[in-house]
Amino acid sequence: MQQAVAATTPRFLKTPDAAIHLGLSARTLEKHRCFGTGPIFRKLGGRIVYAIDDLDAWAALGARKSTVDPGVGVVHPAKRLPTAVVRR
């Protein structure tokens, strides 16, 4: 008897794969993490991982229909921001 192995989609991505998912460089995603401007991440032991749903939710903050559309949120650049702007 052969047991079928079901293919599963990963729930979490390491930084390089998360960066590819978002269309960013891994270094940019690391900067976002350091400055607190990026997507929610998890630290599992010594590894940093991102849930795919969190990556998509963060990217959705930047969704706009036109240049004058204020959108629902802001995706800040990967740089240090005033503490009043950084979300927790």
PDB file of N, CA and C in Angstrom:
ATOM      1  N   MET A   1       0.823  -1.191   0.000  1.00  0.00           N
ATOM      2  CA  MET A   1       0.000   0.000   0.000  1.00  0.00           C
ATOM      3  C   MET A   1       0.862   1.248   0.000  1.00  0.00           C
ATOM      4  N   GLN A   2       0.535   2.128  -0.890  1.00  0.00           N
ATOM      5  CA  GLN A   2       1.239   3.399  -0.931  1.00  0.00           C
ATOM      6  C   GLN A   2       0.357   4.481  -0.349  1.00  0.00           C
ATOM      7  N   GLN A   3       0.955   5.288   0.511  1.00  0.00           N
ATOM      8  CA  GLN A   3       0.201   6.373   1.135  1.00  0.00           C
ATOM      9  C   GLN A   3       0.482   7.659   0.366  1.00  0.00           C
ATOM     10  N   ALA A   4      -0.565   8.349  -0.029  1.00  0.00           N
ATOM     11  CA  ALA A   4      -0.406   9.594  -0.780  1.00  0.00           C
ATOM     12  C   ALA A   4       0.073  10.699   0.144  1.00  0.00           C
ATOM     13  N   VAL A   5       1.026  11.448  -0.338  1.00  0.00           N
ATOM     14  CA  VAL A   5       1.536  12.587   0.418  1.00  0.00           C
ATOM     15  C   VAL A   5       0.869  13.840  -0.133  1.00  0.00           C
ATOM     16  N   ALA A   6       0.177  14.527   0.731  1.00  0.00           N
ATOM     17  CA  ALA A   6      -0.523  15.740   0.311  1.00  0.00           C
ATOM     18  C   ALA A   6       0.458  16.912   0.265  1.00  0.00           C
ATOM     19  N   ALA A   7       0.420  17.649  -0.826  1.00  0.00           N
ATOM     20  CA  ALA A   7       1.261  18.844  -0.942  1.00  0.00           C
ATOM     21  C   ALA A   7       0.629  19.957  -0.116  1.00  0.00           C
ATOM     22  N   THR A   8       1.428  20.602   0.679  1.00  0.00           N
ATOM     23  CA  THR A   8       0.916  21.688   1.507  1.00  0.00           C
ATOM     24  C   THR A   8       1.605  22.985   1.148  1.00  0.00           C
ATOM     25  N   THR A   9       0.875  24.056   1.287  1.00  0.00           N
ATOM     26  CA  THR A   9       1.429  25.387   1.079  1.00  0.00           C
ATOM     27  C   THR A   9       1.998  25.852   2.410  1.00  0.00           C
ATOM     28  N   PRO A  10       3.206  26.370   2.428  1.00  0.00           N
ATOM     29  CA  PRO A  10       3.772  26.818   3.707  1.00  0.00           C
ATOM     30  C   PRO A  10       2.984  27.997   4.270  1.00  0.00           C
ATOM     31  N   ARG A  11       2.840  28.016   5.582  1.00  0.00           N
ATOM     32  CA  ARG A  11       2.171  29.136   6.245  1.00  0.00           C
ATOM     33  C   ARG A  11       3.148  30.264   6.538  1.00  0.00           C
ATOM     34  N   PHE A  12       4.418  29.909   6.714  1.00  0.00           N
ATOM     35  CA  PHE A  12       5.439  30.885   7.082  1.00  0.00           C
ATOM     36  C   PHE A  12       6.569  30.875   6.056  1.00  0.00           C
ATOM     37  N   LEU A  13       7.137  32.049   5.817  1.00  0.00           N
ATOM     38  CA  LEU A  13       8.252  32.187   4.894  1.00  0.00           C
ATOM     39  C   LEU A  13       9.433  32.819   5.612  1.00  0.00           C
ATOM     40  N   LYS A  14      10.641  32.355   5.288  1.00  0.00           N
ATOM     41  CA  LYS A  14      11.855  33.008   5.794  1.00  0.00           C
ATOM     42  C   LYS A  14      12.044  34.307   5.021  1.00  0.00           C
ATOM     43  N   THR A  15      12.917  35.162   5.505  1.00  0.00           N
ATOM     44  CA  THR A  15      13.100  36.498   4.942  1.00  0.00           C
ATOM     45  C   THR A  15      13.324  36.507   3.431  1.00  0.00           C
ATOM     46  N   PRO A  16      14.223  35.693   2.867  1.00  0.00           N
ATOM     47  CA  PRO A  16      14.414  35.753   1.407  1.00  0.00           C
ATOM     48  C   PRO A  16      13.150  35.421   0.613  1.00  0.00           C
ATOM     49  N   ASP A  17      12.405  34.426   1.080  1.00  0.00           N
ATOM     50  CA  ASP A  17      11.178  34.036   0.380  1.00  0.00           C
ATOM     51  C   ASP A  17      10.068  35.063   0.584  1.00  0.00           C
ATOM     52  N   ALA A  18      10.015  35.648   1.779  1.00  0.00           N
ATOM     53  CA  ALA A  18       9.028  36.699   2.047  1.00  0.00           C
ATOM     54  C   ALA A  18       9.303  37.917   1.169  1.00  0.00           C
ATOM     55  N   ALA A  19      10.577  38.242   0.990  1.00  0.00           N
ATOM     56  CA  ALA A  19      10.943  39.370   0.139  1.00  0.00           C
ATOM     57  C   ALA A  19      10.522  39.117  -1.305  1.00  0.00           C
ATOM     58  N   ILE A  20      10.730  37.915  -1.791  1.00  0.00           N
ATOM     59  CA  ILE A  20      10.300  37.568  -3.149  1.00  0.00           C
ATOM     60  C   ILE A  20       8.784  37.681  -3.259  1.00  0.00           C
ATOM     61  N   HIS A  21       8.081  37.207  -2.249  1.00  0.00           N
ATOM     62  CA  HIS A  21       6.614  37.275  -2.240  1.00  0.00           C
ATOM     63  C   HIS A  21       6.136  38.717  -2.387  1.00  0.00           C
ATOM     64  N   LEU A  22       6.853  39.659  -1.752  1.00  0.00           N
ATOM     65  CA  LEU A  22       6.469  41.077  -1.783  1.00  0.00           C
ATOM     66  C   LEU A  22       7.092  41.841  -2.952  1.00  0.00           C
ATOM     67  N   GLY A  23       8.050  41.242  -3.621  1.00  0.00           N
ATOM     68  CA  GLY A  23       8.741  41.940  -4.707  1.00  0.00           C
ATOM     69  C   GLY A  23       9.776  42.926  -4.194  1.00  0.00           C
ATOM     70  N   LEU A  24      10.324  42.659  -3.017  1.00  0.00           N
ATOM     71  CA  LEU A  24      11.353  43.507  -2.408  1.00  0.00           C
ATOM     72  C   LEU A  24      12.650  42.711  -2.299  1.00  0.00           C
ATOM     73  N   SER A  25      13.720  43.411  -1.961  1.00  0.00           N
ATOM     74  CA  SER A  25      14.954  42.688  -1.663  1.00  0.00           C
ATOM     75  C   SER A  25      14.912  42.241  -0.209  1.00  0.00           C
ATOM     76  N   ALA A  26      15.661  41.201   0.097  1.00  0.00           N
ATOM     77  CA  ALA A  26      15.722  40.711   1.475  1.00  0.00           C
ATOM     78  C   ALA A  26      16.276  41.787   2.392  1.00  0.00           C
ATOM     79  N   ARG A  27      17.232  42.549   1.912  1.00  0.00           N
ATOM     80  CA  ARG A  27      17.833  43.617   2.721  1.00  0.00           C
ATOM     81  C   ARG A  27      16.801  44.694   3.049  1.00  0.00           C
ATOM     82  N   THR A  28      15.943  45.046   2.105  1.00  0.00           N
ATOM     83  CA  THR A  28      14.899  46.032   2.372  1.00  0.00           C
ATOM     84  C   THR A  28      13.943  45.514   3.435  1.00  0.00           C
ATOM     85  N   LEU A  29      13.578  44.252   3.355  1.00  0.00           N
ATOM     86  CA  LEU A  29      12.686  43.667   4.353  1.00  0.00           C
ATOM     87  C   LEU A  29      13.359  43.654   5.737  1.00  0.00           C
ATOM     88  N   GLU A  30      14.663  43.390   5.779  1.00  0.00           N
ATOM     89  CA  GLU A  30      15.405  43.437   7.047  1.00  0.00           C
ATOM     90  C   GLU A  30      15.388  44.851   7.626  1.00  0.00           C
ATOM     91  N   LYS A  31      15.554  45.854   6.777  1.00  0.00           N
ATOM     92  CA  LYS A  31      15.507  47.245   7.242  1.00  0.00           C
ATOM     93  C   LYS A  31      14.127  47.581   7.789  1.00  0.00           C
ATOM     94  N   HIS A  32      13.081  47.164   7.095  1.00  0.00           N
ATOM     95  CA  HIS A  32      11.719  47.385   7.588  1.00  0.00           C
ATOM     96  C   HIS A  32      11.558  46.769   8.976  1.00  0.00           C
ATOM     97  N   ARG A  33      12.096  45.588   9.174  1.00  0.00           N
ATOM     98  CA  ARG A  33      11.997  44.911  10.461  1.00  0.00           C
ATOM     99  C   ARG A  33      12.720  45.704  11.542  1.00  0.00           C
ATOM    100  N   CYS A  34      13.901  46.211  11.251  1.00  0.00           N
ATOM    101  CA  CYS A  34      14.676  46.971  12.232  1.00  0.00           C
ATOM    102  C   CYS A  34      14.009  48.300  12.595  1.00  0.00           C
ATOM    103  N   PHE A  35      13.406  48.942  11.620  1.00  0.00           N
ATOM    104  CA  PHE A  35      12.795  50.252  11.859  1.00  0.00           C
ATOM    105  C   PHE A  35      11.348  50.159  12.317  1.00  0.00           C
ATOM    106  N   GLY A  36      10.777  48.983  12.307  1.00  0.00           N
ATOM    107  CA  GLY A  36       9.398  48.815  12.749  1.00  0.00           C
ATOM    108  C   GLY A  36       8.368  49.265  11.734  1.00  0.00           C
ATOM    109  N   THR A  37       8.758  49.360  10.471  1.00  0.00           N
ATOM    110  CA  THR A  37       7.844  49.833   9.424  1.00  0.00           C
ATOM    111  C   THR A  37       7.322  48.713   8.542  1.00  0.00           C
ATOM    112  N   GLY A  38       7.741  47.492   8.802  1.00  0.00           N
ATOM    113  CA  GLY A  38       7.389  46.383   7.920  1.00  0.00           C
ATOM    114  C   GLY A  38       6.271  45.521   8.440  1.00  0.00           C
ATOM    115  N   PRO A  39       6.088  44.392   7.791  1.00  0.00           N
ATOM    116  CA  PRO A  39       5.031  43.468   8.195  1.00  0.00           C
ATOM    117  C   PRO A  39       5.353  42.797   9.533  1.00  0.00           C
ATOM    118  N   ILE A  40       4.324  42.277  10.164  1.00  0.00           N
ATOM    119  CA  ILE A  40       4.498  41.535  11.416  1.00  0.00           C
ATOM    120  C   ILE A  40       5.351  40.304  11.132  1.00  0.00           C
ATOM    121  N   PHE A  41       6.278  40.021  12.037  1.00  0.00           N
ATOM    122  CA  PHE A  41       7.124  38.837  11.885  1.00  0.00           C
ATOM    123  C   PHE A  41       7.120  38.050  13.182  1.00  0.00           C
ATOM    124  N   ARG A  42       7.605  36.843  13.107  1.00  0.00           N
ATOM    125  CA  ARG A  42       7.720  35.989  14.280  1.00  0.00           C
ATOM    126  C   ARG A  42       9.166  35.534  14.407  1.00  0.00           C
ATOM    127  N   LYS A  43       9.617  35.424  15.645  1.00  0.00           N
ATOM    128  CA  LYS A  43      10.956  34.925  15.902  1.00  0.00           C
ATOM    129  C   LYS A  43      10.802  33.550  16.539  1.00  0.00           C
ATOM    130  N   LEU A  44      11.168  32.537  15.794  1.00  0.00           N
ATOM    131  CA  LEU A  44      11.067  31.152  16.257  1.00  0.00           C
ATOM    132  C   LEU A  44      12.477  30.642  16.491  1.00  0.00           C
ATOM    133  N   GLY A  45      12.862  30.602  17.757  1.00  0.00           N
ATOM    134  CA  GLY A  45      14.250  30.294  18.072  1.00  0.00           C
ATOM    135  C   GLY A  45      15.103  31.433  17.546  1.00  0.00           C
ATOM    136  N   GLY A  46      16.030  31.146  16.678  1.00  0.00           N
ATOM    137  CA  GLY A  46      16.859  32.183  16.078  1.00  0.00           C
ATOM    138  C   GLY A  46      16.402  32.591  14.684  1.00  0.00           C
ATOM    139  N   ARG A  47      15.295  32.033  14.226  1.00  0.00           N
ATOM    140  CA  ARG A  47      14.826  32.300  12.860  1.00  0.00           C
ATOM    141  C   ARG A  47      13.716  33.336  12.855  1.00  0.00           C
ATOM    142  N   ILE A  48      13.761  34.178  11.829  1.00  0.00           N
ATOM    143  CA  ILE A  48      12.703  35.155  11.587  1.00  0.00           C
ATOM    144  C   ILE A  48      11.828  34.591  10.482  1.00  0.00           C
ATOM    145  N   VAL A  49      10.527  34.529  10.721  1.00  0.00           N
ATOM    146  CA  VAL A  49       9.586  34.050   9.705  1.00  0.00           C
ATOM    147  C   VAL A  49       8.402  35.007   9.622  1.00  0.00           C
ATOM    148  N   TYR A  50       7.784  35.000   8.465  1.00  0.00           N
ATOM    149  CA  TYR A  50       6.625  35.851   8.197  1.00  0.00           C
ATOM    150  C   TYR A  50       5.452  34.977   7.779  1.00  0.00           C
ATOM    151  N   ALA A  51       4.278  35.221   8.357  1.00  0.00           N
ATOM    152  CA  ALA A  51       3.074  34.533   7.905  1.00  0.00           C
ATOM    153  C   ALA A  51       2.651  35.170   6.584  1.00  0.00           C
ATOM    154  N   ILE A  52       2.252  34.369   5.641  1.00  0.00           N
ATOM    155  CA  ILE A  52       1.852  34.874   4.324  1.00  0.00           C
ATOM    156  C   ILE A  52       0.684  35.849   4.455  1.00  0.00           C
ATOM    157  N   ASP A  53      -0.255  35.551   5.351  1.00  0.00           N
ATOM    158  CA  ASP A  53      -1.390  36.459   5.565  1.00  0.00           C
ATOM    159  C   ASP A  53      -0.929  37.822   6.059  1.00  0.00           C
ATOM    160  N   ASP A  54       0.104  37.856   6.934  1.00  0.00           N
ATOM    161  CA  ASP A  54       0.629  39.134   7.433  1.00  0.00           C
ATOM    162  C   ASP A  54       1.328  39.921   6.329  1.00  0.00           C
ATOM    163  N   LEU A  55       2.038  39.223   5.451  1.00  0.00           N
ATOM    164  CA  LEU A  55       2.689  39.895   4.324  1.00  0.00           C
ATOM    165  C   LEU A  55       1.650  40.532   3.406  1.00  0.00           C
ATOM    166  N   ASP A  56       0.594  39.772   3.111  1.00  0.00           N
ATOM    167  CA  ASP A  56      -0.458  40.278   2.231  1.00  0.00           C
ATOM    168  C   ASP A  56      -1.206  41.442   2.870  1.00  0.00           C
ATOM    169  N   ALA A  57      -1.450  41.370   4.184  1.00  0.00           N
ATOM    170  CA  ALA A  57      -2.149  42.455   4.882  1.00  0.00           C
ATOM    171  C   ALA A  57      -1.312  43.732   4.872  1.00  0.00           C
ATOM    172  N   TRP A  58      -0.001  43.592   5.076  1.00  0.00           N
ATOM    173  CA  TRP A  58       0.881  44.766   5.063  1.00  0.00           C
ATOM    174  C   TRP A  58       0.925  45.387   3.668  1.00  0.00           C
ATOM    175  N   ALA A  59       1.025  44.557   2.652  1.00  0.00           N
ATOM    176  CA  ALA A  59       1.056  45.069   1.278  1.00  0.00           C
ATOM    177  C   ALA A  59      -0.270  45.731   0.919  1.00  0.00           C
ATOM    178  N   ALA A  60      -1.377  45.223   1.461  1.00  0.00           N
ATOM    179  CA  ALA A  60      -2.696  45.795   1.167  1.00  0.00           C
ATOM    180  C   ALA A  60      -2.834  47.212   1.711  1.00  0.00           C
ATOM    181  N   LEU A  61      -2.037  47.575   2.709  1.00  0.00           N
ATOM    182  CA  LEU A  61      -2.071  48.949   3.231  1.00  0.00           C
ATOM    183  C   LEU A  61      -1.683  49.961   2.154  1.00  0.00           C
ATOM    184  N   GLY A  62      -0.913  49.538   1.185  1.00  0.00           N
ATOM    185  CA  GLY A  62      -0.472  50.436   0.121  1.00  0.00           C
ATOM    186  C   GLY A  62      -1.372  50.435  -1.101  1.00  0.00           C
ATOM    187  N   ALA A  63      -2.489  49.714  -1.044  1.00  0.00           N
ATOM    188  CA  ALA A  63      -3.374  49.616  -2.213  1.00  0.00           C
ATOM    189  C   ALA A  63      -4.055  50.948  -2.498  1.00  0.00           C
ATOM    190  N   ARG A  64      -4.015  51.352  -3.763  1.00  0.00           N
ATOM    191  CA  ARG A  64      -4.642  52.596  -4.211  1.00  0.00           C
ATOM    192  C   ARG A  64      -5.279  52.350  -5.572  1.00  0.00           C
ATOM    193  N   LYS A  65      -6.359  53.100  -5.869  1.00  0.00           N
ATOM    194  CA  LYS A  65      -6.997  53.008  -7.183  1.00  0.00           C
ATOM    195  C   LYS A  65      -6.508  54.113  -8.111  1.00  0.00           C
ATOM    196  N   SER A  66      -6.010  55.196  -7.534  1.00  0.00           N
ATOM    197  CA  SER A  66      -5.472  56.299  -8.332  1.00  0.00           C
ATOM    198  C   SER A  66      -4.468  57.066  -7.476  1.00  0.00           C
ATOM    199  N   THR A  67      -3.792  58.026  -8.077  1.00  0.00           N
ATOM    200  CA  THR A  67      -2.793  58.788  -7.334  1.00  0.00           C
ATOM    201  C   THR A  67      -3.413  59.707  -6.285  1.00  0.00           C
ATOM    202  N   VAL A  68      -4.691  60.022  -6.418  1.00  0.00           N
ATOM    203  CA  VAL A  68      -5.346  60.887  -5.430  1.00  0.00           C
ATOM    204  C   VAL A  68      -6.109  60.082  -4.374  1.00  0.00           C
ATOM    205  N   ASP A  69      -6.166  58.772  -4.522  1.00  0.00           N
ATOM    206  CA  ASP A  69      -6.843  57.906  -3.557  1.00  0.00           C
ATOM    207  C   ASP A  69      -6.030  57.865  -2.260  1.00  0.00           C
ATOM    208  N   PRO A  70      -6.622  58.246  -1.107  1.00  0.00           N
ATOM    209  CA  PRO A  70      -5.866  58.214   0.146  1.00  0.00           C
ATOM    210  C   PRO A  70      -5.608  56.800   0.653  1.00  0.00           C
ATOM    211  N   GLY A  71      -6.376  55.831   0.177  1.00  0.00           N
ATOM    212  CA  GLY A  71      -6.187  54.441   0.590  1.00  0.00           C
ATOM    213  C   GLY A  71      -6.597  54.210   2.029  1.00  0.00           C
ATOM    214  N   VAL A  72      -6.327  53.015   2.516  1.00  0.00           N
ATOM    215  CA  VAL A  72      -6.705  52.652   3.880  1.00  0.00           C
ATOM    216  C   VAL A  72      -5.539  52.733   4.851  1.00  0.00           C
ATOM    217  N   GLY A  73      -4.343  52.842   4.358  1.00  0.00           N
ATOM    218  CA  GLY A  73      -3.170  52.882   5.220  1.00  0.00           C
ATOM    219  C   GLY A  73      -1.966  53.376   4.461  1.00  0.00           C
ATOM    220  N   VAL A  74      -0.821  53.273   5.120  1.00  0.00           N
ATOM    221  CA  VAL A  74       0.435  53.753   4.538  1.00  0.00           C
ATOM    222  C   VAL A  74       1.497  52.680   4.709  1.00  0.00           C
ATOM    223  N   VAL A  75       2.221  52.405   3.648  1.00  0.00           N
ATOM    224  CA  VAL A  75       3.410  51.567   3.737  1.00  0.00           C
ATOM    225  C   VAL A  75       4.587  52.536   3.712  1.00  0.00           C
ATOM    226  N   HIS A  76       5.214  52.692   4.881  1.00  0.00           N
ATOM    227  CA  HIS A  76       6.317  53.645   5.010  1.00  0.00           C
ATOM    228  C   HIS A  76       7.582  53.119   4.343  1.00  0.00           C
ATOM    229  N   PRO A  77       8.480  54.014   3.946  1.00  0.00           N
ATOM    230  CA  PRO A  77       9.769  53.555   3.406  1.00  0.00           C
ATOM    231  C   PRO A  77      10.592  52.889   4.505  1.00  0.00           C
ATOM    232  N   ALA A  78      11.571  52.119   4.104  1.00  0.00           N
ATOM    233  CA  ALA A  78      12.422  51.394   5.056  1.00  0.00           C
ATOM    234  C   ALA A  78      13.482  52.324   5.618  1.00  0.00           C
ATOM    235  N   LYS A  79      13.042  53.252   6.449  1.00  0.00           N
ATOM    236  CA  LYS A  79      13.974  54.157   7.129  1.00  0.00           C
ATOM    237  C   LYS A  79      13.381  54.546   8.468  1.00  0.00           C
ATOM    238  N   ARG A  80      14.217  55.085   9.318  1.00  0.00           N
ATOM    239  CA  ARG A  80      13.790  55.477  10.655  1.00  0.00           C
ATOM    240  C   ARG A  80      12.757  56.593  10.552  1.00  0.00           C
ATOM    241  N   LEU A  81      11.651  56.417  11.278  1.00  0.00           N
ATOM    242  CA  LEU A  81      10.581  57.402  11.293  1.00  0.00           C
ATOM    243  C   LEU A  81      10.457  58.001  12.685  1.00  0.00           C
ATOM    244  N   PRO A  82       9.837  59.170  12.783  1.00  0.00           N
ATOM    245  CA  PRO A  82       9.573  59.709  14.128  1.00  0.00           C
ATOM    246  C   PRO A  82       8.741  58.693  14.926  1.00  0.00           C
ATOM    247  N   THR A  83       8.971  58.601  16.215  1.00  0.00           N
ATOM    248  CA  THR A  83       8.321  57.577  17.032  1.00  0.00           C
ATOM    249  C   THR A  83       6.804  57.693  17.032  1.00  0.00           C
ATOM    250  N   ALA A  84       6.263  58.868  16.768  1.00  0.00           N
ATOM    251  CA  ALA A  84       4.805  59.035  16.749  1.00  0.00           C
ATOM    252  C   ALA A  84       4.181  58.338  15.536  1.00  0.00           C
ATOM    253  N   VAL A  85       4.958  58.080  14.498  1.00  0.00           N
ATOM    254  CA  VAL A  85       4.429  57.503  13.262  1.00  0.00           C
ATOM    255  C   VAL A  85       4.507  55.985  13.261  1.00  0.00           C
ATOM    256  N   VAL A  86       5.485  55.419  13.946  1.00  0.00           N
ATOM    257  CA  VAL A  86       5.717  53.967  13.919  1.00  0.00           C
ATOM    258  C   VAL A  86       4.563  53.257  14.603  1.00  0.00           C
ATOM    259  N   ARG A  87       4.000  52.253  13.899  1.00  0.00           N
ATOM    260  CA  ARG A  87       2.899  51.483  14.490  1.00  0.00           C
ATOM    261  C   ARG A  87       3.470  50.346  15.325  1.00  0.00           C
ATOM    262  N   ARG A  88       2.782  49.982  16.340  1.00  0.00           N
ATOM    263  CA  ARG A  88       3.223  48.879  17.217  1.00  0.00           C
ATOM    264  C   ARG A  88       2.309  47.717  17.073  1.00  0.00           C
TER     265      ARG A  88
END
